[in-house]
Amino acid sequence: MTTKAILHQILLGMDAYICCGVPGIYWELAVTLMDEVYGAAGLKLMERYHKTYDDSPDASKETILHTINGWDDPNTEINPEEFIQKLEAL
């Protein structure tokens, strides 16, 4: 499996409709791989669609989960599949 394929699989796991996101350790891995595969342009696009959620079971612990989700315009939602298409177009 290539670095690009691994990155795309991690990104697909960041779908906000399938789960509330991935823990920080996977987000950091995705950021590192994004830099290797797509460079600064990919990182900028990734930050644009990056959303976080607090999935803490109680107030004593903070658990931040990361997803790829956003809007290009009122009619175009960007989820991981669309995000990967945008990356491929870079």
N, C-alpha and C. Protein backbone atom coordinates (compact mmCIF):
# COMPACT_ATOMS: atom_id res chain seq x y z
N MET A 1 0.86 -1.18 0.00
CA MET A 1 0.00 0.00 0.00
C MET A 1 0.90 1.24 0.00
N THR A 2 0.58 2.21 -0.84
CA THR A 2 1.39 3.42 -0.92
C THR A 2 1.04 4.39 0.20
N THR A 3 1.92 5.36 0.39
CA THR A 3 1.67 6.41 1.39
C THR A 3 0.38 7.14 1.06
N LYS A 4 0.17 7.42 -0.21
CA LYS A 4 -1.05 8.11 -0.64
C LYS A 4 -2.29 7.29 -0.32
N ALA A 5 -2.26 6.00 -0.59
CA ALA A 5 -3.40 5.12 -0.30
C ALA A 5 -3.69 5.06 1.20
N ILE A 6 -2.63 5.01 2.01
CA ILE A 6 -2.81 5.00 3.46
C ILE A 6 -3.46 6.31 3.92
N LEU A 7 -2.96 7.43 3.40
CA LEU A 7 -3.55 8.73 3.73
C LEU A 7 -5.02 8.77 3.37
N HIS A 8 -5.36 8.31 2.18
CA HIS A 8 -6.76 8.34 1.75
C HIS A 8 -7.64 7.47 2.66
N GLN A 9 -7.14 6.34 3.10
CA GLN A 9 -7.92 5.48 4.02
C GLN A 9 -8.15 6.18 5.36
N ILE A 10 -7.12 6.85 5.86
CA ILE A 10 -7.28 7.59 7.12
C ILE A 10 -8.31 8.70 6.94
N LEU A 11 -8.23 9.41 5.82
CA LEU A 11 -9.19 10.50 5.56
C LEU A 11 -10.61 9.97 5.46
N LEU A 12 -10.79 8.83 4.81
CA LEU A 12 -12.14 8.24 4.71
C LEU A 12 -12.70 7.91 6.08
N GLY A 13 -11.84 7.59 7.03
CA GLY A 13 -12.27 7.31 8.40
C GLY A 13 -12.67 8.56 9.18
N MET A 14 -12.48 9.74 8.58
CA MET A 14 -12.83 11.00 9.24
C MET A 14 -14.18 11.53 8.81
N ASP A 15 -15.04 10.67 8.30
CA ASP A 15 -16.37 11.08 7.87
C ASP A 15 -17.24 11.38 9.08
N ALA A 16 -17.71 12.61 9.19
CA ALA A 16 -18.50 13.04 10.35
C ALA A 16 -19.85 12.34 10.43
N TYR A 17 -20.32 11.77 9.33
CA TYR A 17 -21.62 11.09 9.34
C TYR A 17 -21.49 9.62 9.74
N ILE A 18 -20.31 9.07 9.63
CA ILE A 18 -20.09 7.68 10.02
C ILE A 18 -19.72 7.60 11.49
N CYS A 19 -18.90 8.55 11.94
CA CYS A 19 -18.45 8.59 13.33
C CYS A 19 -18.23 10.05 13.71
N CYS A 20 -17.89 10.29 14.91
CA CYS A 20 -17.63 11.66 15.35
C CYS A 20 -16.20 12.08 15.09
N GLY A 21 -15.41 11.22 14.45
CA GLY A 21 -14.05 11.59 14.11
C GLY A 21 -13.02 10.62 14.65
N VAL A 22 -11.77 11.00 14.45
CA VAL A 22 -10.65 10.17 14.88
C VAL A 22 -9.88 10.88 15.99
N PRO A 23 -9.23 10.14 16.86
CA PRO A 23 -8.43 10.77 17.93
C PRO A 23 -7.22 11.52 17.35
N GLY A 24 -6.65 12.37 18.18
CA GLY A 24 -5.54 13.22 17.78
C GLY A 24 -4.36 12.48 17.20
N ILE A 25 -4.07 11.29 17.66
CA ILE A 25 -2.92 10.55 17.15
C ILE A 25 -3.07 10.23 15.66
N TYR A 26 -4.31 9.94 15.22
CA TYR A 26 -4.56 9.68 13.80
C TYR A 26 -4.59 10.97 13.00
N TRP A 27 -5.09 12.04 13.62
CA TRP A 27 -5.07 13.34 12.95
C TRP A 27 -3.62 13.76 12.69
N GLU A 28 -2.76 13.61 13.68
CA GLU A 28 -1.35 13.97 13.51
C GLU A 28 -0.68 13.13 12.43
N LEU A 29 -1.01 11.85 12.36
CA LEU A 29 -0.48 10.99 11.31
C LEU A 29 -0.97 11.48 9.95
N ALA A 30 -2.24 11.81 9.83
CA ALA A 30 -2.79 12.32 8.57
C ALA A 30 -2.11 13.61 8.15
N VAL A 31 -1.83 14.49 9.10
CA VAL A 31 -1.15 15.76 8.80
C VAL A 31 0.25 15.48 8.26
N THR A 32 0.97 14.56 8.89
CA THR A 32 2.32 14.21 8.45
C THR A 32 2.29 13.62 7.04
N LEU A 33 1.38 12.69 6.81
CA LEU A 33 1.27 12.08 5.48
C LEU A 33 0.82 13.09 4.44
N MET A 34 -0.09 13.99 4.82
CA MET A 34 -0.56 15.02 3.90
C MET A 34 0.60 15.88 3.44
N ASP A 35 1.46 16.26 4.36
CA ASP A 35 2.63 17.08 4.03
C ASP A 35 3.54 16.32 3.05
N GLU A 36 3.74 15.03 3.28
CA GLU A 36 4.59 14.22 2.40
C GLU A 36 4.00 14.07 1.01
N VAL A 37 2.69 13.86 0.93
CA VAL A 37 2.06 13.53 -0.34
C VAL A 37 1.63 14.77 -1.13
N TYR A 38 0.99 15.74 -0.47
CA TYR A 38 0.42 16.88 -1.17
C TYR A 38 1.07 18.22 -0.83
N GLY A 39 1.96 18.24 0.16
CA GLY A 39 2.68 19.45 0.51
C GLY A 39 1.81 20.52 1.14
N ALA A 40 2.28 21.77 1.05
CA ALA A 40 1.62 22.90 1.70
C ALA A 40 0.20 23.12 1.18
N ALA A 41 -0.02 22.90 -0.10
CA ALA A 41 -1.37 23.09 -0.68
C ALA A 41 -2.37 22.11 -0.06
N GLY A 42 -1.93 20.87 0.14
CA GLY A 42 -2.79 19.87 0.77
C GLY A 42 -3.08 20.19 2.22
N LEU A 43 -2.05 20.65 2.94
CA LEU A 43 -2.24 21.02 4.34
C LEU A 43 -3.20 22.20 4.48
N LYS A 44 -3.10 23.16 3.60
CA LYS A 44 -4.00 24.32 3.65
C LYS A 44 -5.44 23.89 3.40
N LEU A 45 -5.64 23.02 2.43
CA LEU A 45 -6.99 22.51 2.13
C LEU A 45 -7.51 21.68 3.29
N MET A 46 -6.64 20.89 3.90
CA MET A 46 -7.04 20.05 5.03
C MET A 46 -7.51 20.91 6.20
N GLU A 47 -6.79 21.97 6.47
CA GLU A 47 -7.17 22.85 7.58
C GLU A 47 -8.51 23.54 7.30
N ARG A 48 -8.78 23.81 6.06
CA ARG A 48 -10.05 24.47 5.69
C ARG A 48 -11.26 23.61 6.07
N TYR A 49 -11.14 22.30 5.92
CA TYR A 49 -12.27 21.40 6.19
C TYR A 49 -12.15 20.64 7.51
N HIS A 50 -11.19 20.99 8.32
CA HIS A 50 -10.97 20.33 9.60
C HIS A 50 -11.99 20.81 10.63
N LYS A 51 -12.69 19.87 11.22
CA LYS A 51 -13.63 20.16 12.31
C LYS A 51 -13.27 19.28 13.49
N THR A 52 -13.49 19.80 14.69
CA THR A 52 -13.22 19.01 15.90
C THR A 52 -14.50 18.90 16.73
N TYR A 53 -14.56 17.82 17.49
CA TYR A 53 -15.68 17.55 18.38
C TYR A 53 -15.14 17.09 19.72
N ASP A 54 -15.77 17.53 20.78
CA ASP A 54 -15.41 17.07 22.12
C ASP A 54 -16.29 15.87 22.43
N ASP A 55 -15.68 14.71 22.51
CA ASP A 55 -16.42 13.46 22.75
C ASP A 55 -16.13 12.91 24.15
N SER A 56 -15.93 13.81 25.09
CA SER A 56 -15.60 13.38 26.45
C SER A 56 -16.79 12.69 27.11
N PRO A 57 -16.52 11.57 27.78
CA PRO A 57 -17.60 10.88 28.49
C PRO A 57 -18.09 11.66 29.71
N ASP A 58 -17.22 12.51 30.26
CA ASP A 58 -17.61 13.34 31.39
C ASP A 58 -16.73 14.59 31.40
N ALA A 59 -17.01 15.50 32.29
CA ALA A 59 -16.31 16.78 32.33
C ALA A 59 -14.89 16.69 32.86
N SER A 60 -14.50 15.54 33.38
CA SER A 60 -13.16 15.42 33.97
C SER A 60 -12.07 15.13 32.93
N LYS A 61 -12.47 14.80 31.70
CA LYS A 61 -11.48 14.45 30.68
C LYS A 61 -11.90 15.05 29.34
N GLU A 62 -10.93 15.60 28.62
CA GLU A 62 -11.21 16.15 27.30
C GLU A 62 -10.75 15.15 26.24
N THR A 63 -11.65 14.79 25.35
CA THR A 63 -11.34 13.90 24.24
C THR A 63 -11.76 14.61 22.96
N ILE A 64 -10.79 15.07 22.20
CA ILE A 64 -11.08 15.79 20.96
C ILE A 64 -10.96 14.82 19.79
N LEU A 65 -12.00 14.81 18.95
CA LEU A 65 -12.02 13.99 17.75
C LEU A 65 -11.99 14.91 16.54
N HIS A 66 -11.36 14.44 15.46
CA HIS A 66 -11.13 15.25 14.27
C HIS A 66 -11.86 14.66 13.07
N THR A 67 -12.49 15.52 12.28
CA THR A 67 -13.17 15.08 11.05
C THR A 67 -12.81 16.00 9.90
N ILE A 68 -13.16 15.55 8.71
CA ILE A 68 -13.11 16.36 7.50
C ILE A 68 -14.56 16.61 7.12
N ASN A 69 -14.98 17.87 7.22
CA ASN A 69 -16.36 18.22 6.91
C ASN A 69 -16.45 19.73 6.76
N GLY A 70 -17.11 20.18 5.73
CA GLY A 70 -17.27 21.62 5.53
C GLY A 70 -18.10 21.91 4.30
N TRP A 71 -18.22 23.17 3.99
CA TRP A 71 -19.04 23.62 2.87
C TRP A 71 -18.22 24.53 1.97
N ASP A 72 -18.29 24.28 0.65
CA ASP A 72 -17.68 25.19 -0.31
C ASP A 72 -18.64 26.34 -0.61
N ASP A 73 -19.91 26.04 -0.61
CA ASP A 73 -20.97 27.03 -0.80
C ASP A 73 -22.22 26.44 -0.16
N PRO A 74 -23.32 27.15 -0.13
CA PRO A 74 -24.51 26.62 0.57
C PRO A 74 -25.03 25.29 0.02
N ASN A 75 -24.60 24.90 -1.17
CA ASN A 75 -25.12 23.68 -1.78
C ASN A 75 -24.09 22.56 -1.93
N THR A 76 -22.83 22.82 -1.58
CA THR A 76 -21.78 21.84 -1.81
C THR A 76 -21.08 21.49 -0.51
N GLU A 77 -21.49 20.36 0.06
CA GLU A 77 -20.85 19.89 1.29
C GLU A 77 -19.62 19.05 0.93
N ILE A 78 -18.57 19.24 1.70
CA ILE A 78 -17.33 18.50 1.47
C ILE A 78 -17.14 17.50 2.62
N ASN A 79 -17.16 16.23 2.24
CA ASN A 79 -16.86 15.14 3.16
C ASN A 79 -15.57 14.49 2.66
N PRO A 80 -15.07 13.45 3.31
CA PRO A 80 -13.79 12.88 2.91
C PRO A 80 -13.70 12.49 1.42
N GLU A 81 -14.75 11.92 0.85
CA GLU A 81 -14.69 11.52 -0.55
C GLU A 81 -14.46 12.72 -1.46
N GLU A 82 -15.22 13.79 -1.23
CA GLU A 82 -15.07 14.99 -2.03
C GLU A 82 -13.72 15.67 -1.75
N PHE A 83 -13.28 15.60 -0.51
CA PHE A 83 -11.99 16.16 -0.14
C PHE A 83 -10.86 15.47 -0.89
N ILE A 84 -10.91 14.16 -0.98
CA ILE A 84 -9.89 13.40 -1.71
C ILE A 84 -9.90 13.80 -3.18
N GLN A 85 -11.07 14.01 -3.76
CA GLN A 85 -11.15 14.46 -5.16
C GLN A 85 -10.48 15.82 -5.33
N LYS A 86 -10.68 16.71 -4.37
CA LYS A 86 -10.02 18.02 -4.41
C LYS A 86 -8.50 17.86 -4.31
N LEU A 87 -8.03 16.96 -3.46
CA LEU A 87 -6.60 16.72 -3.34
C LEU A 87 -6.02 16.19 -4.64
N GLU A 88 -6.73 15.26 -5.26
CA GLU A 88 -6.28 14.68 -6.52
C GLU A 88 -6.17 15.72 -7.63
N ALA A 89 -6.97 16.78 -7.52
CA ALA A 89 -6.97 17.84 -8.53
C ALA A 89 -5.83 18.85 -8.32
N LEU A 90 -5.13 18.77 -7.19
CA LEU A 90 -4.02 19.71 -6.94
C LEU A 90 -2.89 19.51 -7.92
